[in-house]
Amino acid sequence: MNQVKKDPNSKLIAENRRARYDYAIEDDIECGIILQGSEVKSLRTTAANITDSYASVEQSELWLINGYIAPYAQAKTWGHEERRKRKLLVSRKDLARLWKETQRQGMTLVPLSLYFNERGMVKLKIGIAKGKKAHDKRETEAKRDWSREKARLMKQAG
């Protein structure tokens, strides 16, 4: 029997579950993030929130704005600011694409998940999204409710 071992380094830190409800996500991109030591230590304890944050292209650099990383208690002298702007790392080609889509096509850059990859590096998955209108949200809710109801009926029948 061949068991797949879960990589001890890869771990989900924070997920923005609300993003898929509020936005129609067209594409996503993985990017690195520049952090201080106390921020990484805090993230190891999964103390972060990206629900209210967004990404923005400013002066040909990509930034995560309003992302929350809890203060690390043991780093008293060299702590970090919880909601500071954090620089995101992407290739020039991706940066140009993101700028084009946000400026010309009116898209929004929404953080979807913050995680440690298999090498133990912190990565942020950003969705290139378009905001949903109220009727689109109702439609999404109706589909979700129907799939739950269908699953419940199939369980009863089987």
N, C-alpha and C. Protein backbone atom coordinates (compact mmCIF):
# COMPACT_ATOMS: atom_id res chain seq x y z
N MET A 1 0.84 -1.17 0.00
CA MET A 1 0.00 0.00 0.00
C MET A 1 0.89 1.24 0.00
N ASN A 2 0.67 2.11 -0.98
CA ASN A 2 1.50 3.29 -1.14
C ASN A 2 0.82 4.49 -0.48
N GLN A 3 1.32 4.91 0.67
CA GLN A 3 0.73 6.06 1.35
C GLN A 3 1.49 7.33 0.97
N VAL A 4 0.73 8.38 0.76
CA VAL A 4 1.33 9.67 0.45
C VAL A 4 1.56 10.40 1.76
N LYS A 5 2.83 10.74 2.02
CA LYS A 5 3.15 11.47 3.25
C LYS A 5 2.87 12.95 3.04
N LYS A 6 2.22 13.56 4.02
CA LYS A 6 1.97 14.99 3.96
C LYS A 6 3.26 15.71 4.32
N ASP A 7 3.62 16.70 3.51
CA ASP A 7 4.85 17.45 3.76
C ASP A 7 4.70 18.26 5.05
N PRO A 8 5.62 18.09 6.01
CA PRO A 8 5.49 18.82 7.27
C PRO A 8 5.66 20.33 7.12
N ASN A 9 6.34 20.77 6.06
CA ASN A 9 6.57 22.20 5.87
C ASN A 9 5.34 22.93 5.32
N SER A 10 4.58 22.27 4.44
CA SER A 10 3.45 22.97 3.82
C SER A 10 2.27 22.99 4.77
N LYS A 11 1.70 24.20 4.92
CA LYS A 11 0.62 24.37 5.89
C LYS A 11 -0.17 25.62 5.54
N LEU A 12 -1.49 25.51 5.56
CA LEU A 12 -2.36 26.66 5.31
C LEU A 12 -2.36 27.56 6.54
N ILE A 13 -2.10 28.83 6.34
CA ILE A 13 -2.07 29.79 7.45
C ILE A 13 -3.41 30.50 7.57
N ALA A 14 -3.86 31.11 6.47
CA ALA A 14 -5.13 31.85 6.47
C ALA A 14 -5.78 31.73 5.10
N GLU A 15 -7.09 31.71 5.10
CA GLU A 15 -7.84 31.60 3.86
C GLU A 15 -8.93 32.65 3.84
N ASN A 16 -9.15 33.24 2.68
CA ASN A 16 -10.19 34.25 2.52
C ASN A 16 -11.38 33.56 1.85
N ARG A 17 -12.22 32.93 2.64
CA ARG A 17 -13.35 32.18 2.10
C ARG A 17 -14.43 33.12 1.55
N ARG A 18 -14.49 34.31 2.07
CA ARG A 18 -15.48 35.29 1.64
C ARG A 18 -15.21 35.77 0.20
N ALA A 19 -13.97 35.70 -0.24
CA ALA A 19 -13.60 36.22 -1.57
C ALA A 19 -14.37 35.53 -2.69
N ARG A 20 -14.57 34.22 -2.58
CA ARG A 20 -15.27 33.50 -3.65
C ARG A 20 -16.76 33.85 -3.67
N TYR A 21 -17.28 34.35 -2.56
CA TYR A 21 -18.68 34.77 -2.50
C TYR A 21 -18.83 36.19 -3.06
N ASP A 22 -17.92 37.08 -2.72
CA ASP A 22 -18.01 38.48 -3.13
C ASP A 22 -17.48 38.76 -4.53
N TYR A 23 -16.61 37.89 -5.05
CA TYR A 23 -15.96 38.14 -6.34
C TYR A 23 -16.06 36.92 -7.25
N ALA A 24 -16.10 37.20 -8.55
CA ALA A 24 -15.99 36.15 -9.56
C ALA A 24 -14.51 36.07 -9.92
N ILE A 25 -13.84 35.01 -9.50
CA ILE A 25 -12.40 34.91 -9.68
C ILE A 25 -12.08 34.34 -11.07
N GLU A 26 -11.37 35.14 -11.87
CA GLU A 26 -11.04 34.77 -13.24
C GLU A 26 -9.77 33.93 -13.30
N ASP A 27 -8.76 34.32 -12.52
CA ASP A 27 -7.46 33.67 -12.57
C ASP A 27 -6.79 33.87 -11.21
N ASP A 28 -5.77 33.06 -10.93
CA ASP A 28 -5.03 33.30 -9.69
C ASP A 28 -3.53 33.19 -9.94
N ILE A 29 -2.77 33.76 -9.03
CA ILE A 29 -1.32 33.79 -9.18
C ILE A 29 -0.70 33.63 -7.79
N GLU A 30 0.38 32.85 -7.74
CA GLU A 30 1.10 32.66 -6.49
C GLU A 30 2.25 33.65 -6.43
N CYS A 31 2.39 34.31 -5.28
CA CYS A 31 3.50 35.25 -5.16
C CYS A 31 4.14 35.15 -3.79
N GLY A 32 5.40 35.54 -3.73
CA GLY A 32 6.13 35.56 -2.48
C GLY A 32 5.79 36.82 -1.71
N ILE A 33 6.21 36.88 -0.46
CA ILE A 33 5.91 38.04 0.37
C ILE A 33 7.13 38.34 1.23
N ILE A 34 7.49 39.63 1.34
CA ILE A 34 8.64 40.02 2.14
C ILE A 34 8.16 40.24 3.58
N LEU A 35 8.72 39.47 4.50
CA LEU A 35 8.31 39.52 5.90
C LEU A 35 9.50 39.75 6.82
N GLN A 36 9.21 40.22 8.03
CA GLN A 36 10.23 40.32 9.07
C GLN A 36 10.23 39.00 9.85
N GLY A 37 11.30 38.78 10.61
CA GLY A 37 11.43 37.54 11.36
C GLY A 37 10.30 37.28 12.33
N SER A 38 9.86 38.31 13.05
CA SER A 38 8.78 38.13 14.01
C SER A 38 7.46 37.80 13.32
N GLU A 39 7.29 38.26 12.07
CA GLU A 39 6.08 37.95 11.31
C GLU A 39 6.05 36.47 10.93
N VAL A 40 7.18 35.94 10.52
CA VAL A 40 7.26 34.52 10.15
C VAL A 40 6.98 33.66 11.38
N LYS A 41 7.58 34.02 12.51
CA LYS A 41 7.35 33.27 13.75
C LYS A 41 5.87 33.29 14.12
N SER A 42 5.24 34.44 13.97
CA SER A 42 3.82 34.56 14.27
C SER A 42 2.99 33.70 13.31
N LEU A 43 3.38 33.67 12.04
CA LEU A 43 2.65 32.88 11.05
C LEU A 43 2.77 31.38 11.32
N ARG A 44 3.87 30.96 11.91
CA ARG A 44 4.02 29.54 12.28
C ARG A 44 2.95 29.10 13.27
N THR A 45 2.44 30.06 14.05
CA THR A 45 1.35 29.77 14.98
C THR A 45 -0.01 30.05 14.34
N THR A 46 -0.05 30.25 13.03
CA THR A 46 -1.25 30.55 12.22
C THR A 46 -2.05 31.72 12.79
N ALA A 47 -1.38 32.80 13.12
CA ALA A 47 -2.05 33.98 13.65
C ALA A 47 -2.09 35.07 12.59
N ALA A 48 -2.98 34.91 11.60
CA ALA A 48 -3.08 35.88 10.52
C ALA A 48 -4.51 35.96 10.00
N ASN A 49 -4.83 37.08 9.34
CA ASN A 49 -6.15 37.26 8.75
C ASN A 49 -5.99 38.07 7.46
N ILE A 50 -6.49 37.54 6.35
CA ILE A 50 -6.40 38.25 5.07
C ILE A 50 -7.78 38.59 4.51
N THR A 51 -8.82 38.43 5.32
CA THR A 51 -10.19 38.65 4.86
C THR A 51 -10.43 40.09 4.40
N ASP A 52 -9.94 41.08 5.16
CA ASP A 52 -10.20 42.48 4.83
C ASP A 52 -9.10 43.10 3.97
N SER A 53 -8.19 42.31 3.47
CA SER A 53 -7.05 42.86 2.74
C SER A 53 -7.25 42.80 1.22
N TYR A 54 -6.38 43.51 0.52
CA TYR A 54 -6.38 43.49 -0.94
C TYR A 54 -4.96 43.75 -1.42
N ALA A 55 -4.72 43.48 -2.70
CA ALA A 55 -3.40 43.73 -3.29
C ALA A 55 -3.53 44.90 -4.27
N SER A 56 -2.43 45.62 -4.43
CA SER A 56 -2.46 46.80 -5.28
C SER A 56 -1.10 46.99 -5.95
N VAL A 57 -1.12 47.43 -7.21
CA VAL A 57 0.11 47.74 -7.93
C VAL A 57 0.36 49.23 -7.77
N GLU A 58 1.46 49.59 -7.09
CA GLU A 58 1.81 50.99 -6.87
C GLU A 58 3.28 51.21 -7.21
N GLN A 59 3.58 52.18 -8.02
CA GLN A 59 4.93 52.51 -8.46
C GLN A 59 5.70 51.26 -8.94
N SER A 60 5.06 50.51 -9.82
CA SER A 60 5.59 49.27 -10.42
C SER A 60 6.07 48.26 -9.37
N GLU A 61 5.35 48.19 -8.26
CA GLU A 61 5.56 47.16 -7.24
C GLU A 61 4.20 46.67 -6.78
N LEU A 62 4.13 45.41 -6.35
CA LEU A 62 2.89 44.83 -5.88
C LEU A 62 2.89 44.80 -4.36
N TRP A 63 1.80 45.28 -3.74
CA TRP A 63 1.72 45.38 -2.28
C TRP A 63 0.49 44.69 -1.73
N LEU A 64 0.63 44.08 -0.57
CA LEU A 64 -0.51 43.56 0.18
C LEU A 64 -0.87 44.63 1.19
N ILE A 65 -2.11 45.10 1.14
CA ILE A 65 -2.55 46.19 2.00
C ILE A 65 -3.60 45.67 2.98
N ASN A 66 -3.44 46.03 4.24
CA ASN A 66 -4.36 45.71 5.32
C ASN A 66 -4.39 44.23 5.70
N GLY A 67 -3.34 43.49 5.39
CA GLY A 67 -3.23 42.11 5.85
C GLY A 67 -2.80 42.09 7.31
N TYR A 68 -3.46 41.28 8.13
CA TYR A 68 -3.17 41.26 9.57
C TYR A 68 -2.30 40.07 9.95
N ILE A 69 -1.17 40.33 10.59
CA ILE A 69 -0.34 39.29 11.19
C ILE A 69 -0.20 39.66 12.66
N ALA A 70 -0.65 38.77 13.54
CA ALA A 70 -0.67 39.05 14.98
C ALA A 70 0.74 39.30 15.50
N PRO A 71 0.89 40.13 16.52
CA PRO A 71 2.23 40.36 17.08
C PRO A 71 2.75 39.08 17.74
N TYR A 72 4.06 38.90 17.64
CA TYR A 72 4.70 37.72 18.23
C TYR A 72 5.16 38.09 19.63
N ALA A 73 4.62 37.43 20.64
CA ALA A 73 4.83 37.81 22.04
C ALA A 73 6.30 37.78 22.46
N GLN A 74 7.07 36.82 21.95
CA GLN A 74 8.47 36.69 22.37
C GLN A 74 9.36 37.75 21.74
N ALA A 75 8.91 38.41 20.68
CA ALA A 75 9.72 39.44 20.02
C ALA A 75 9.34 40.80 20.58
N LYS A 76 9.78 41.08 21.77
CA LYS A 76 9.39 42.33 22.44
C LYS A 76 10.08 43.55 21.82
N THR A 77 11.39 43.49 21.67
CA THR A 77 12.13 44.63 21.16
C THR A 77 11.98 44.78 19.65
N TRP A 78 12.07 43.66 18.93
CA TRP A 78 12.08 43.71 17.46
C TRP A 78 10.77 43.21 16.88
N GLY A 79 9.65 43.68 17.42
CA GLY A 79 8.34 43.26 16.93
C GLY A 79 8.02 43.88 15.58
N HIS A 80 6.81 43.68 15.13
CA HIS A 80 6.39 44.24 13.84
C HIS A 80 5.05 44.93 13.99
N GLU A 81 4.74 45.78 13.00
CA GLU A 81 3.45 46.45 12.95
C GLU A 81 2.46 45.48 12.33
N GLU A 82 1.28 45.32 12.96
CA GLU A 82 0.35 44.26 12.54
C GLU A 82 -0.23 44.45 11.13
N ARG A 83 -0.61 45.67 10.79
CA ARG A 83 -1.28 45.90 9.51
C ARG A 83 -0.46 46.74 8.53
N ARG A 84 0.84 46.57 8.51
CA ARG A 84 1.67 47.36 7.60
C ARG A 84 1.53 46.86 6.16
N LYS A 85 1.92 47.72 5.20
CA LYS A 85 1.95 47.30 3.80
C LYS A 85 3.11 46.31 3.63
N ARG A 86 2.85 45.20 2.96
CA ARG A 86 3.90 44.20 2.74
C ARG A 86 4.10 44.03 1.24
N LYS A 87 5.37 44.05 0.83
CA LYS A 87 5.70 43.92 -0.58
C LYS A 87 5.53 42.47 -1.02
N LEU A 88 4.92 42.29 -2.19
CA LEU A 88 4.73 40.97 -2.77
C LEU A 88 5.69 40.79 -3.94
N LEU A 89 6.16 39.57 -4.12
CA LEU A 89 7.16 39.30 -5.14
C LEU A 89 6.55 38.51 -6.31
N VAL A 90 6.57 39.12 -7.49
CA VAL A 90 6.11 38.45 -8.71
C VAL A 90 7.09 38.82 -9.83
N SER A 91 7.02 38.09 -10.91
CA SER A 91 7.89 38.39 -12.04
C SER A 91 7.42 39.67 -12.72
N ARG A 92 8.30 40.30 -13.49
CA ARG A 92 7.94 41.53 -14.20
C ARG A 92 6.77 41.31 -15.15
N LYS A 93 6.80 40.16 -15.80
CA LYS A 93 5.75 39.83 -16.77
C LYS A 93 4.38 39.74 -16.05
N ASP A 94 4.36 39.05 -14.91
CA ASP A 94 3.12 38.94 -14.13
C ASP A 94 2.67 40.30 -13.60
N LEU A 95 3.62 41.10 -13.16
CA LEU A 95 3.31 42.43 -12.63
C LEU A 95 2.66 43.29 -13.72
N ALA A 96 3.20 43.23 -14.93
CA ALA A 96 2.63 43.99 -16.05
C ALA A 96 1.22 43.52 -16.35
N ARG A 97 1.01 42.21 -16.29
CA ARG A 97 -0.31 41.64 -16.55
C ARG A 97 -1.31 42.10 -15.47
N LEU A 98 -0.88 42.05 -14.21
CA LEU A 98 -1.75 42.47 -13.11
C LEU A 98 -2.11 43.95 -13.23
N TRP A 99 -1.11 44.77 -13.56
CA TRP A 99 -1.36 46.20 -13.72
C TRP A 99 -2.37 46.44 -14.83
N LYS A 100 -2.17 45.76 -15.96
CA LYS A 100 -3.06 45.92 -17.11
C LYS A 100 -4.50 45.54 -16.74
N GLU A 101 -4.65 44.42 -16.05
CA GLU A 101 -6.00 43.95 -15.73
C GLU A 101 -6.69 44.85 -14.71
N THR A 102 -5.94 45.40 -13.76
CA THR A 102 -6.57 46.26 -12.76
C THR A 102 -6.86 47.65 -13.33
N GLN A 103 -5.96 48.20 -14.14
CA GLN A 103 -6.13 49.56 -14.66
C GLN A 103 -7.11 49.61 -15.83
N ARG A 104 -6.94 48.72 -16.78
CA ARG A 104 -7.74 48.81 -18.01
C ARG A 104 -9.05 48.04 -17.93
N GLN A 105 -9.04 46.91 -17.26
CA GLN A 105 -10.23 46.05 -17.28
C GLN A 105 -11.04 46.12 -15.99
N GLY A 106 -10.59 46.94 -15.03
CA GLY A 106 -11.36 47.13 -13.81
C GLY A 106 -11.44 45.94 -12.89
N MET A 107 -10.43 45.09 -12.92
CA MET A 107 -10.41 43.91 -12.05
C MET A 107 -9.85 44.29 -10.68
N THR A 108 -10.02 43.41 -9.71
CA THR A 108 -9.53 43.61 -8.35
C THR A 108 -8.59 42.47 -8.00
N LEU A 109 -7.56 42.76 -7.21
CA LEU A 109 -6.63 41.72 -6.76
C LEU A 109 -6.99 41.35 -5.33
N VAL A 110 -7.50 40.13 -5.16
CA VAL A 110 -8.01 39.68 -3.87
C VAL A 110 -7.15 38.54 -3.35
N PRO A 111 -6.61 38.65 -2.12
CA PRO A 111 -5.86 37.54 -1.54
C PRO A 111 -6.80 36.37 -1.26
N LEU A 112 -6.43 35.17 -1.72
CA LEU A 112 -7.27 33.99 -1.51
C LEU A 112 -6.76 33.14 -0.35
N SER A 113 -5.44 32.90 -0.31
CA SER A 113 -4.90 32.10 0.80
C SER A 113 -3.44 32.46 1.05
N LEU A 114 -3.06 32.30 2.30
CA LEU A 114 -1.69 32.54 2.76
C LEU A 114 -1.21 31.21 3.33
N TYR A 115 -0.07 30.72 2.87
CA TYR A 115 0.36 29.39 3.27
C TYR A 115 1.88 29.24 3.19
N PHE A 116 2.38 28.19 3.85
CA PHE A 116 3.77 27.78 3.70
C PHE A 116 3.80 26.74 2.59
N ASN A 117 4.70 26.90 1.61
CA ASN A 117 4.81 25.89 0.56
C ASN A 117 5.67 24.73 1.04
N GLU A 118 5.94 23.77 0.18
CA GLU A 118 6.69 22.57 0.58
C GLU A 118 8.13 22.87 1.01
N ARG A 119 8.67 24.02 0.61
CA ARG A 119 10.02 24.41 1.03
C ARG A 119 10.01 25.24 2.31
N GLY A 120 8.83 25.47 2.86
CA GLY A 120 8.71 26.23 4.10
C GLY A 120 8.70 27.73 3.89
N MET A 121 8.49 28.18 2.65
CA MET A 121 8.44 29.62 2.34
C MET A 121 6.99 30.09 2.39
N VAL A 122 6.77 31.31 2.87
CA VAL A 122 5.42 31.86 2.94
C VAL A 122 5.03 32.36 1.55
N LYS A 123 3.87 31.91 1.08
CA LYS A 123 3.36 32.30 -0.23
C LYS A 123 1.94 32.83 -0.07
N LEU A 124 1.55 33.70 -0.98
CA LEU A 124 0.21 34.27 -0.98
C LEU A 124 -0.40 34.01 -2.35
N LYS A 125 -1.59 33.44 -2.38
CA LYS A 125 -2.29 33.22 -3.64
C LYS A 125 -3.27 34.37 -3.82
N ILE A 126 -3.11 35.09 -4.93
CA ILE A 126 -3.95 36.25 -5.23
C ILE A 126 -4.87 35.90 -6.39
N GLY A 127 -6.14 36.24 -6.25
CA GLY A 127 -7.10 36.03 -7.32
C GLY A 127 -7.32 37.31 -8.10
N ILE A 128 -7.36 37.20 -9.42
CA ILE A 128 -7.70 38.33 -10.27
C ILE A 128 -9.21 38.22 -10.45
N ALA A 129 -9.95 39.17 -9.86
CA ALA A 129 -11.40 39.00 -9.75
C ALA A 129 -12.18 40.22 -10.18
N LYS A 130 -13.44 39.97 -10.46
CA LYS A 130 -14.38 41.03 -10.78
C LYS A 130 -15.47 40.96 -9.70
N GLY A 131 -15.83 42.11 -9.13
CA GLY A 131 -16.84 42.14 -8.07
C GLY A 131 -18.19 41.64 -8.55
N LYS A 132 -18.89 40.87 -7.69
CA LYS A 132 -20.22 40.37 -8.03
C LYS A 132 -21.27 41.39 -7.60
N LYS A 133 -22.32 41.46 -8.36
CA LYS A 133 -23.48 42.27 -8.00
C LYS A 133 -24.35 41.45 -7.05
N ALA A 134 -25.35 42.09 -6.43
CA ALA A 134 -26.22 41.42 -5.46
C ALA A 134 -26.93 40.22 -6.07
N HIS A 135 -27.41 40.34 -7.31
CA HIS A 135 -28.14 39.22 -7.93
C HIS A 135 -27.21 38.03 -8.20
N ASP A 136 -25.93 38.32 -8.51
CA ASP A 136 -24.96 37.24 -8.71
C ASP A 136 -24.73 36.48 -7.41
N LYS A 137 -24.68 37.21 -6.29
CA LYS A 137 -24.48 36.58 -4.98
C LYS A 137 -25.66 35.69 -4.62
N ARG A 138 -26.88 36.17 -4.94
CA ARG A 138 -28.08 35.36 -4.66
C ARG A 138 -28.05 34.09 -5.50
N GLU A 139 -27.62 34.21 -6.73
CA GLU A 139 -27.53 33.05 -7.62
C GLU A 139 -26.52 32.02 -7.07
N THR A 140 -25.37 32.51 -6.60
CA THR A 140 -24.36 31.64 -6.00
C THR A 140 -24.93 30.92 -4.78
N GLU A 141 -25.67 31.66 -3.95
CA GLU A 141 -26.29 31.07 -2.76
C GLU A 141 -27.30 30.00 -3.14
N ALA A 142 -28.11 30.27 -4.15
CA ALA A 142 -29.12 29.31 -4.59
C ALA A 142 -28.47 28.03 -5.10
N LYS A 143 -27.39 28.15 -5.88
CA LYS A 143 -26.66 26.97 -6.37
C LYS A 143 -26.11 26.15 -5.22
N ARG A 144 -25.51 26.85 -4.23
CA ARG A 144 -24.93 26.17 -3.07
C ARG A 144 -26.02 25.44 -2.28
N ASP A 145 -27.15 26.11 -2.06
CA ASP A 145 -28.25 25.50 -1.31
C ASP A 145 -28.81 24.28 -2.04
N TRP A 146 -28.92 24.40 -3.38
CA TRP A 146 -29.45 23.28 -4.15
C TRP A 146 -28.49 22.09 -4.10
N SER A 147 -27.18 22.34 -4.17
CA SER A 147 -26.23 21.21 -4.12
C SER A 147 -26.27 20.54 -2.75
N ARG A 148 -26.48 21.31 -1.69
CA ARG A 148 -26.63 20.72 -0.34
C ARG A 148 -27.90 19.88 -0.26
N GLU A 149 -28.98 20.41 -0.79
CA GLU A 149 -30.26 19.70 -0.77
C GLU A 149 -30.17 18.41 -1.58
N LYS A 150 -29.52 18.51 -2.76
CA LYS A 150 -29.35 17.33 -3.62
C LYS A 150 -28.54 16.25 -2.90
N ALA A 151 -27.47 16.65 -2.24
CA ALA A 151 -26.62 15.70 -1.49
C ALA A 151 -27.44 15.04 -0.38
N ARG A 152 -28.28 15.84 0.31
CA ARG A 152 -29.09 15.31 1.39
C ARG A 152 -30.11 14.30 0.85
N LEU A 153 -30.75 14.62 -0.28
CA LEU A 153 -31.72 13.71 -0.88
C LEU A 153 -31.08 12.42 -1.35
N MET A 154 -29.87 12.53 -1.93
CA MET A 154 -29.17 11.34 -2.41
C MET A 154 -28.78 10.44 -1.23
N LYS A 155 -28.44 11.06 -0.12
CA LYS A 155 -28.06 10.30 1.08
C LYS A 155 -29.27 9.55 1.63
N GLN A 156 -30.44 10.21 1.60
CA GLN A 156 -31.67 9.57 2.09
C GLN A 156 -32.09 8.43 1.17
N ALA A 157 -31.94 8.62 -0.12
CA ALA A 157 -32.36 7.60 -1.10
C ALA A 157 -31.44 6.40 -1.05
N GLY A 158 -30.17 6.61 -0.76
CA GLY A 158 -29.17 5.54 -0.84
C GLY A 158 -29.02 4.75 0.37
